[in-house]
């Protein structure tokens, strides 16, 4: 399995775990009513699960399974793929930290 696929898969699983943790905090607030600011975490929960988890997992599996260019062992220049991995995770970080930073300012 290529290193890029492993990074996408690990990142996807990490995002799913963090998204489920945030979802659990929101559910705890819904059940007990003790955490009134927990609903601020809802956009981060949605983006982590949908964009972070499912998309990264799908991209990692697709990069691993799709045929190589030219039928050889090489996948070609992987710079754009690594840039997409970095930009996707940077965008997820911005979405996650946007509301807490906005609340502080």
Protein backbone atom coordinates (compact mmCIF):
# COMPACT_ATOMS: atom_id res chain seq x y z
CA UNK A 1 0.00 0.00 0.00
CA UNK A 2 1.44 3.42 -0.93
CA UNK A 3 2.41 5.84 1.84
CA UNK A 4 -0.13 8.40 0.64
CA UNK A 5 -2.95 5.87 0.97
CA UNK A 6 -1.84 5.02 4.49
CA UNK A 7 -1.80 8.71 5.41
CA UNK A 8 -5.27 9.27 3.96
CA UNK A 9 -6.65 6.21 5.77
CA UNK A 10 -5.08 7.10 9.10
CA UNK A 11 -6.23 10.69 8.77
CA UNK A 12 -9.73 9.53 7.91
CA UNK A 13 -9.92 7.22 10.90
CA UNK A 14 -8.57 9.94 13.18
CA UNK A 15 -11.16 12.41 11.88
CA UNK A 16 -13.92 9.86 12.37
CA UNK A 17 -12.81 9.22 15.95
CA UNK A 18 -12.63 12.96 16.74
CA UNK A 19 -15.98 13.58 15.05
CA UNK A 20 -17.62 10.82 17.03
CA UNK A 21 -16.14 12.25 20.23
CA UNK A 22 -17.65 15.64 19.43
CA UNK A 23 -20.94 13.94 18.59
CA UNK A 24 -20.85 12.20 21.95
CA UNK A 25 -20.33 15.52 23.72
CA UNK A 26 -23.31 16.99 21.85
CA UNK A 27 -25.41 13.94 22.75
CA UNK A 28 -24.36 14.27 26.39
CA UNK A 29 -25.59 17.87 26.36
CA UNK A 30 -28.83 16.81 24.71
CA UNK A 31 -29.45 14.19 27.37
CA UNK A 32 -28.40 16.10 30.46
CA UNK A 33 -28.61 19.76 29.46
CA UNK A 34 -25.43 20.49 31.39
CA UNK A 35 -23.26 21.76 28.53
CA UNK A 36 -25.09 24.66 26.87
CA UNK A 37 -22.14 25.58 24.62
CA UNK A 38 -21.84 22.07 23.18
CA UNK A 39 -23.99 22.99 20.17
CA UNK A 40 -21.13 25.18 18.97
CA UNK A 41 -19.35 21.92 18.17
CA UNK A 42 -22.01 20.76 15.68
CA UNK A 43 -20.40 22.20 12.50
CA UNK A 44 -17.02 20.76 13.51
CA UNK A 45 -18.68 17.38 14.15
CA UNK A 46 -20.34 17.39 10.73
CA UNK A 47 -17.20 18.39 8.85
CA UNK A 48 -14.99 15.94 10.71
CA UNK A 49 -17.27 13.00 10.03
CA UNK A 50 -18.32 13.80 6.47
CA UNK A 51 -15.36 15.61 4.94
CA UNK A 52 -12.58 14.44 7.20
CA UNK A 53 -13.56 10.86 7.77
CA UNK A 54 -15.51 9.62 4.80
CA UNK A 55 -13.75 11.69 2.11
CA UNK A 56 -10.23 10.93 3.30
CA UNK A 57 -11.02 7.25 3.68
CA UNK A 58 -12.49 7.17 0.16
CA UNK A 59 -9.54 9.03 -1.35
CA UNK A 60 -7.06 6.71 0.35
CA UNK A 61 -8.77 3.57 -0.90
CA UNK A 62 -9.20 5.00 -4.40
CA UNK A 63 -5.53 5.95 -4.64
CA UNK A 64 -4.56 2.47 -3.53
CA UNK A 65 -6.95 0.49 -5.76
CA UNK A 66 -7.12 2.50 -9.00
CA UNK A 67 -4.76 1.33 -11.74
CA UNK A 68 -1.38 2.95 -12.11
CA UNK A 69 -0.72 5.26 -15.01
CA UNK A 70 0.78 3.44 -17.97
CA UNK A 71 0.33 0.03 -16.36
CA UNK A 72 3.74 0.16 -14.67
CA UNK A 73 4.69 0.04 -11.03
CA UNK A 74 5.00 3.84 -10.77
CA UNK A 75 2.11 6.09 -9.92
CA UNK A 76 3.81 9.07 -11.51
CA UNK A 77 4.42 12.40 -9.81
CA UNK A 78 2.62 12.34 -6.47
CA UNK A 79 3.21 15.99 -5.60
CA UNK A 80 -0.36 17.03 -6.40
CA UNK A 81 -1.77 14.15 -4.37
CA UNK A 82 0.34 15.11 -1.34
CA UNK A 83 -0.71 18.76 -1.78
CA UNK A 84 -4.38 17.72 -1.81
CA UNK A 85 -3.83 15.75 1.41
CA UNK A 86 -2.16 18.73 3.08
CA UNK A 87 -4.77 21.25 1.89
CA UNK A 88 -7.69 19.03 2.87
CA UNK A 89 -6.34 18.65 6.40
CA UNK A 90 -5.50 22.35 6.63
CA UNK A 91 -9.05 23.23 5.59
CA UNK A 92 -10.42 20.81 8.19
CA UNK A 93 -8.28 22.48 10.82
CA UNK A 94 -9.60 25.89 9.83
CA UNK A 95 -13.20 24.69 10.01
CA UNK A 96 -12.69 23.04 13.39
CA UNK A 97 -11.01 26.02 15.02
CA UNK A 98 -13.09 28.71 13.30
CA UNK A 99 -15.97 28.88 15.79
CA UNK A 100 -13.88 28.77 19.00
CA UNK A 101 -11.58 31.49 17.66
CA UNK A 102 -14.59 33.54 16.52
CA UNK A 103 -16.12 33.23 19.99
CA UNK A 104 -12.91 34.48 21.61
CA UNK A 105 -12.64 37.56 19.40
